[in-house]
Amino acid sequence: EVQLVESGGGLVQPGGSLRLSCTVFGFSSGWLYWVRQAPGKELEWVSFINIATGTTRYTDSVKGRFTMSRDNAKNTLYLQLDSLRTEDTGMYYCARDSKGTVRGRGTEVTVSS
């Protein structure tokens, strides 16, 4: 059974940074995603990574600002969020697929002055 546990969210001012973490249980290959849901909006994928190669992809709105990585020895994914904007506010989940069908409980990111 796959379990995903996110942490690291919080309140930050525009332009600030956060690092999100996701500990992964029961899954050690293939692709893993970060997805998010802004208030009143649908879930959208943010980034994904190949566990074996480290290859990453990002949605256009976060390119150059967010960086996804993994530490396979710790079974942990990371999402470094830099140059945060108010529109980045939302719940962030790590997930098995781009639609978040299998995902953790999430960690909340609030970007506000």
N, C-alpha and C. Protein backbone atom coordinates (compact mmCIF):
# COMPACT_ATOMS: atom_id res chain seq x y z
N GLU A 1 0.84 -1.19 0.00
CA GLU A 1 0.00 0.00 0.00
C GLU A 1 0.88 1.24 0.00
N VAL A 2 0.59 2.15 -0.91
CA VAL A 2 1.35 3.39 -1.00
C VAL A 2 0.84 4.38 0.03
N GLN A 3 1.76 4.97 0.76
CA GLN A 3 1.42 6.06 1.68
C GLN A 3 2.33 7.24 1.39
N LEU A 4 1.75 8.41 1.39
CA LEU A 4 2.47 9.64 1.08
C LEU A 4 2.19 10.63 2.19
N VAL A 5 3.23 11.19 2.80
CA VAL A 5 3.06 12.09 3.94
C VAL A 5 3.82 13.39 3.65
N GLU A 6 3.06 14.46 3.48
CA GLU A 6 3.64 15.75 3.15
C GLU A 6 3.88 16.59 4.40
N SER A 7 4.84 17.50 4.30
CA SER A 7 5.10 18.45 5.37
C SER A 7 5.81 19.66 4.79
N GLY A 8 5.92 20.72 5.59
CA GLY A 8 6.73 21.86 5.20
C GLY A 8 5.97 23.10 4.78
N GLY A 9 4.65 23.02 4.71
CA GLY A 9 3.89 24.19 4.32
C GLY A 9 3.90 25.26 5.39
N GLY A 10 3.32 26.41 5.06
CA GLY A 10 3.26 27.50 6.02
C GLY A 10 2.83 28.79 5.37
N LEU A 11 2.94 29.86 6.14
CA LEU A 11 2.61 31.20 5.67
C LEU A 11 3.89 31.93 5.30
N VAL A 12 3.91 32.50 4.11
CA VAL A 12 5.11 33.19 3.64
C VAL A 12 4.69 34.42 2.85
N GLN A 13 5.53 35.44 2.85
CA GLN A 13 5.23 36.65 2.08
C GLN A 13 5.56 36.44 0.61
N PRO A 14 4.93 37.20 -0.25
CA PRO A 14 5.28 37.13 -1.68
C PRO A 14 6.78 37.34 -1.87
N GLY A 15 7.35 36.54 -2.75
CA GLY A 15 8.79 36.57 -2.97
C GLY A 15 9.57 35.64 -2.08
N GLY A 16 8.92 35.07 -1.09
CA GLY A 16 9.58 34.18 -0.14
C GLY A 16 9.74 32.76 -0.66
N SER A 17 10.24 31.90 0.21
CA SER A 17 10.53 30.52 -0.15
C SER A 17 10.02 29.55 0.90
N LEU A 18 9.75 28.34 0.46
CA LEU A 18 9.42 27.22 1.33
C LEU A 18 10.00 25.96 0.71
N ARG A 19 10.23 24.96 1.54
CA ARG A 19 10.60 23.64 1.02
C ARG A 19 9.62 22.62 1.56
N LEU A 20 8.93 21.99 0.65
CA LEU A 20 7.99 20.94 1.01
C LEU A 20 8.68 19.58 0.93
N SER A 21 8.27 18.68 1.80
CA SER A 21 8.79 17.32 1.79
C SER A 21 7.65 16.32 1.69
N CYS A 22 7.95 15.17 1.14
CA CYS A 22 6.97 14.09 1.06
C CYS A 22 7.69 12.78 1.30
N THR A 23 7.35 12.10 2.39
CA THR A 23 7.91 10.78 2.65
C THR A 23 7.01 9.75 1.99
N VAL A 24 7.65 8.84 1.26
CA VAL A 24 6.92 7.87 0.45
C VAL A 24 7.11 6.47 1.03
N PHE A 25 6.01 5.79 1.26
CA PHE A 25 6.05 4.41 1.74
C PHE A 25 5.40 3.52 0.69
N GLY A 26 6.05 2.39 0.39
CA GLY A 26 5.43 1.39 -0.48
C GLY A 26 5.52 1.67 -1.96
N PHE A 27 6.42 2.56 -2.36
CA PHE A 27 6.55 2.87 -3.79
C PHE A 27 7.96 3.35 -4.04
N SER A 28 8.67 2.71 -4.97
CA SER A 28 10.09 3.06 -5.13
C SER A 28 10.52 3.13 -6.58
N SER A 29 9.57 3.21 -7.51
CA SER A 29 9.95 3.32 -8.91
C SER A 29 8.87 4.08 -9.67
N GLY A 30 9.20 4.44 -10.91
CA GLY A 30 8.22 5.14 -11.73
C GLY A 30 8.24 6.64 -11.47
N TRP A 31 7.08 7.25 -11.57
CA TRP A 31 6.96 8.69 -11.48
C TRP A 31 6.15 9.09 -10.25
N LEU A 32 6.53 10.19 -9.65
CA LEU A 32 5.76 10.79 -8.57
C LEU A 32 5.55 12.26 -8.86
N TYR A 33 4.43 12.78 -8.37
CA TYR A 33 3.98 14.13 -8.72
C TYR A 33 3.80 15.00 -7.49
N TRP A 34 3.91 16.26 -7.68
CA TRP A 34 3.34 17.26 -6.78
C TRP A 34 2.15 17.87 -7.52
N VAL A 35 1.01 17.90 -6.81
CA VAL A 35 -0.18 18.54 -7.35
C VAL A 35 -0.66 19.55 -6.31
N ARG A 36 -1.46 20.50 -6.72
CA ARG A 36 -1.96 21.49 -5.77
C ARG A 36 -3.39 21.86 -6.10
N GLN A 37 -4.06 22.39 -5.08
CA GLN A 37 -5.41 22.87 -5.26
C GLN A 37 -5.57 24.22 -4.60
N ALA A 38 -5.75 25.23 -5.41
CA ALA A 38 -5.98 26.57 -4.89
C ALA A 38 -7.43 26.69 -4.43
N PRO A 39 -7.71 27.60 -3.51
CA PRO A 39 -9.09 27.77 -3.03
C PRO A 39 -10.06 28.01 -4.18
N GLY A 40 -11.10 27.20 -4.24
CA GLY A 40 -12.12 27.37 -5.27
C GLY A 40 -11.75 26.89 -6.65
N LYS A 41 -10.60 26.25 -6.77
CA LYS A 41 -10.15 25.79 -8.08
C LYS A 41 -9.93 24.29 -8.09
N GLU A 42 -9.78 23.76 -9.30
CA GLU A 42 -9.56 22.33 -9.41
C GLU A 42 -8.09 21.98 -9.15
N LEU A 43 -7.88 20.71 -8.87
CA LEU A 43 -6.53 20.20 -8.65
C LEU A 43 -5.73 20.36 -9.95
N GLU A 44 -4.47 20.77 -9.84
CA GLU A 44 -3.61 20.84 -11.01
C GLU A 44 -2.25 20.25 -10.68
N TRP A 45 -1.63 19.60 -11.67
CA TRP A 45 -0.29 19.08 -11.41
C TRP A 45 0.69 20.24 -11.49
N VAL A 46 1.71 20.15 -10.67
CA VAL A 46 2.73 21.18 -10.58
C VAL A 46 4.05 20.69 -11.16
N SER A 47 4.45 19.48 -10.77
CA SER A 47 5.71 18.93 -11.23
C SER A 47 5.68 17.43 -11.08
N PHE A 48 6.58 16.74 -11.76
CA PHE A 48 6.75 15.32 -11.55
C PHE A 48 8.19 14.92 -11.78
N ILE A 49 8.53 13.76 -11.22
CA ILE A 49 9.92 13.31 -11.24
C ILE A 49 9.95 11.80 -11.48
N ASN A 50 10.95 11.36 -12.23
CA ASN A 50 11.20 9.93 -12.36
C ASN A 50 12.09 9.52 -11.20
N ILE A 51 11.63 8.55 -10.45
CA ILE A 51 12.35 8.16 -9.23
C ILE A 51 13.76 7.66 -9.54
N ALA A 52 13.92 6.92 -10.62
CA ALA A 52 15.22 6.31 -10.93
C ALA A 52 16.21 7.32 -11.51
N THR A 53 15.73 8.16 -12.44
CA THR A 53 16.66 9.03 -13.18
C THR A 53 16.71 10.44 -12.63
N GLY A 54 15.70 10.85 -11.89
CA GLY A 54 15.64 12.23 -11.42
C GLY A 54 15.13 13.22 -12.45
N THR A 55 14.72 12.74 -13.60
CA THR A 55 14.17 13.62 -14.62
C THR A 55 12.92 14.32 -14.10
N THR A 56 12.83 15.63 -14.32
CA THR A 56 11.71 16.41 -13.81
C THR A 56 11.02 17.19 -14.92
N ARG A 57 9.78 17.51 -14.68
CA ARG A 57 9.00 18.39 -15.56
C ARG A 57 8.15 19.30 -14.68
N TYR A 58 7.85 20.49 -15.20
CA TYR A 58 7.10 21.48 -14.43
C TYR A 58 6.01 22.09 -15.28
N THR A 59 4.91 22.44 -14.63
CA THR A 59 3.90 23.19 -15.34
C THR A 59 4.44 24.61 -15.60
N ASP A 60 3.97 25.25 -16.63
CA ASP A 60 4.56 26.52 -17.07
C ASP A 60 4.57 27.59 -15.99
N SER A 61 3.54 27.64 -15.17
CA SER A 61 3.42 28.73 -14.19
C SER A 61 4.47 28.68 -13.09
N VAL A 62 5.15 27.55 -12.94
CA VAL A 62 6.15 27.43 -11.87
C VAL A 62 7.57 27.24 -12.40
N LYS A 63 7.72 27.12 -13.69
CA LYS A 63 9.06 26.92 -14.26
C LYS A 63 9.99 28.05 -13.85
N GLY A 64 11.19 27.67 -13.42
CA GLY A 64 12.17 28.66 -12.99
C GLY A 64 12.01 29.10 -11.55
N ARG A 65 10.90 28.71 -10.91
CA ARG A 65 10.67 29.10 -9.51
C ARG A 65 10.63 27.91 -8.57
N PHE A 66 10.12 26.78 -9.03
CA PHE A 66 10.01 25.58 -8.21
C PHE A 66 11.03 24.54 -8.68
N THR A 67 11.54 23.77 -7.73
CA THR A 67 12.48 22.70 -8.06
C THR A 67 12.10 21.44 -7.31
N MET A 68 11.87 20.37 -8.05
CA MET A 68 11.52 19.08 -7.45
C MET A 68 12.76 18.20 -7.44
N SER A 69 12.93 17.48 -6.33
CA SER A 69 14.06 16.56 -6.22
C SER A 69 13.65 15.38 -5.36
N ARG A 70 14.53 14.40 -5.28
CA ARG A 70 14.24 13.24 -4.42
C ARG A 70 15.52 12.75 -3.78
N ASP A 71 15.36 12.13 -2.63
CA ASP A 71 16.46 11.45 -1.94
C ASP A 71 16.00 10.01 -1.76
N ASN A 72 16.45 9.14 -2.64
CA ASN A 72 15.96 7.76 -2.63
C ASN A 72 16.37 7.03 -1.35
N ALA A 73 17.49 7.38 -0.78
CA ALA A 73 17.92 6.72 0.46
C ALA A 73 16.97 7.03 1.61
N LYS A 74 16.32 8.19 1.54
CA LYS A 74 15.39 8.59 2.60
C LYS A 74 13.94 8.41 2.18
N ASN A 75 13.72 7.89 0.97
CA ASN A 75 12.34 7.73 0.45
C ASN A 75 11.57 9.04 0.54
N THR A 76 12.22 10.11 0.17
CA THR A 76 11.62 11.43 0.35
C THR A 76 11.71 12.25 -0.93
N LEU A 77 10.61 12.92 -1.24
CA LEU A 77 10.57 13.90 -2.32
C LEU A 77 10.62 15.28 -1.71
N TYR A 78 11.12 16.23 -2.51
CA TYR A 78 11.14 17.62 -2.07
C TYR A 78 10.56 18.50 -3.17
N LEU A 79 10.00 19.61 -2.76
CA LEU A 79 9.62 20.65 -3.71
C LEU A 79 10.08 21.98 -3.12
N GLN A 80 11.10 22.55 -3.71
CA GLN A 80 11.60 23.86 -3.30
C GLN A 80 10.78 24.92 -4.02
N LEU A 81 10.14 25.79 -3.24
CA LEU A 81 9.31 26.84 -3.80
C LEU A 81 10.00 28.18 -3.57
N ASP A 82 10.41 28.83 -4.61
CA ASP A 82 11.07 30.13 -4.53
C ASP A 82 10.24 31.18 -5.28
N SER A 83 10.51 32.45 -4.98
CA SER A 83 9.80 33.56 -5.64
C SER A 83 8.30 33.35 -5.60
N LEU A 84 7.81 33.00 -4.43
CA LEU A 84 6.39 32.66 -4.30
C LEU A 84 5.49 33.84 -4.60
N ARG A 85 4.35 33.51 -5.18
CA ARG A 85 3.33 34.50 -5.54
C ARG A 85 2.03 34.19 -4.81
N THR A 86 1.17 35.15 -4.71
CA THR A 86 -0.10 34.92 -4.01
C THR A 86 -0.89 33.80 -4.70
N GLU A 87 -0.76 33.69 -6.00
CA GLU A 87 -1.50 32.64 -6.72
C GLU A 87 -0.94 31.24 -6.49
N ASP A 88 0.17 31.13 -5.77
CA ASP A 88 0.68 29.81 -5.40
C ASP A 88 0.00 29.27 -4.15
N THR A 89 -0.82 30.07 -3.52
CA THR A 89 -1.53 29.63 -2.33
C THR A 89 -2.41 28.42 -2.62
N GLY A 90 -2.38 27.43 -1.70
CA GLY A 90 -3.22 26.26 -1.87
C GLY A 90 -2.72 25.09 -1.06
N MET A 91 -3.41 23.97 -1.21
CA MET A 91 -2.97 22.72 -0.61
C MET A 91 -2.09 21.99 -1.61
N TYR A 92 -0.95 21.55 -1.13
CA TYR A 92 0.01 20.85 -1.98
C TYR A 92 0.05 19.38 -1.55
N TYR A 93 -0.03 18.51 -2.54
CA TYR A 93 -0.03 17.07 -2.29
C TYR A 93 1.05 16.40 -3.13
N CYS A 94 1.66 15.37 -2.59
CA CYS A 94 2.40 14.50 -3.48
C CYS A 94 1.47 13.35 -3.87
N ALA A 95 1.65 12.85 -5.07
CA ALA A 95 0.67 11.95 -5.65
C ALA A 95 1.31 10.95 -6.60
N ARG A 96 0.59 9.86 -6.83
CA ARG A 96 1.06 8.83 -7.76
C ARG A 96 0.80 9.19 -9.21
N ASP A 97 -0.12 10.12 -9.45
CA ASP A 97 -0.47 10.46 -10.82
C ASP A 97 -0.83 11.94 -10.91
N SER A 98 -0.96 12.43 -12.12
CA SER A 98 -1.18 13.87 -12.32
C SER A 98 -2.54 14.35 -11.83
N LYS A 99 -3.48 13.45 -11.70
CA LYS A 99 -4.82 13.85 -11.23
C LYS A 99 -4.97 13.72 -9.72
N GLY A 100 -3.91 13.27 -9.05
CA GLY A 100 -3.98 13.17 -7.61
C GLY A 100 -4.91 12.08 -7.11
N THR A 101 -5.11 11.06 -7.92
CA THR A 101 -6.03 9.98 -7.54
C THR A 101 -5.56 9.30 -6.25
N VAL A 102 -4.26 9.06 -6.14
CA VAL A 102 -3.66 8.53 -4.92
C VAL A 102 -2.70 9.60 -4.42
N ARG A 103 -3.03 10.20 -3.29
CA ARG A 103 -2.23 11.31 -2.79
C ARG A 103 -2.25 11.32 -1.26
N GLY A 104 -1.38 12.10 -0.67
CA GLY A 104 -1.35 12.23 0.76
C GLY A 104 -2.40 13.20 1.26
N ARG A 105 -2.29 13.60 2.53
CA ARG A 105 -3.25 14.52 3.11
C ARG A 105 -2.95 15.97 2.78
N GLY A 106 -1.75 16.22 2.32
CA GLY A 106 -1.41 17.55 1.87
C GLY A 106 -0.78 18.43 2.93
N THR A 107 -0.18 19.51 2.46
CA THR A 107 0.37 20.52 3.33
C THR A 107 -0.02 21.88 2.75
N GLU A 108 -0.43 22.80 3.61
CA GLU A 108 -1.00 24.05 3.15
C GLU A 108 0.07 25.13 2.98
N VAL A 109 0.02 25.79 1.84
CA VAL A 109 0.91 26.90 1.54
C VAL A 109 0.06 28.16 1.39
N THR A 110 0.39 29.18 2.17
CA THR A 110 -0.31 30.46 2.07
C THR A 110 0.71 31.55 1.77
N VAL A 111 0.51 32.23 0.67
CA VAL A 111 1.40 33.32 0.28
C VAL A 111 0.61 34.62 0.41
N SER A 112 0.99 35.42 1.37
CA SER A 112 0.22 36.63 1.65
C SER A 112 1.10 37.65 2.37
N SER A 113 0.84 38.90 2.10
CA SER A 113 1.56 39.96 2.81
C SER A 113 0.77 40.43 4.03
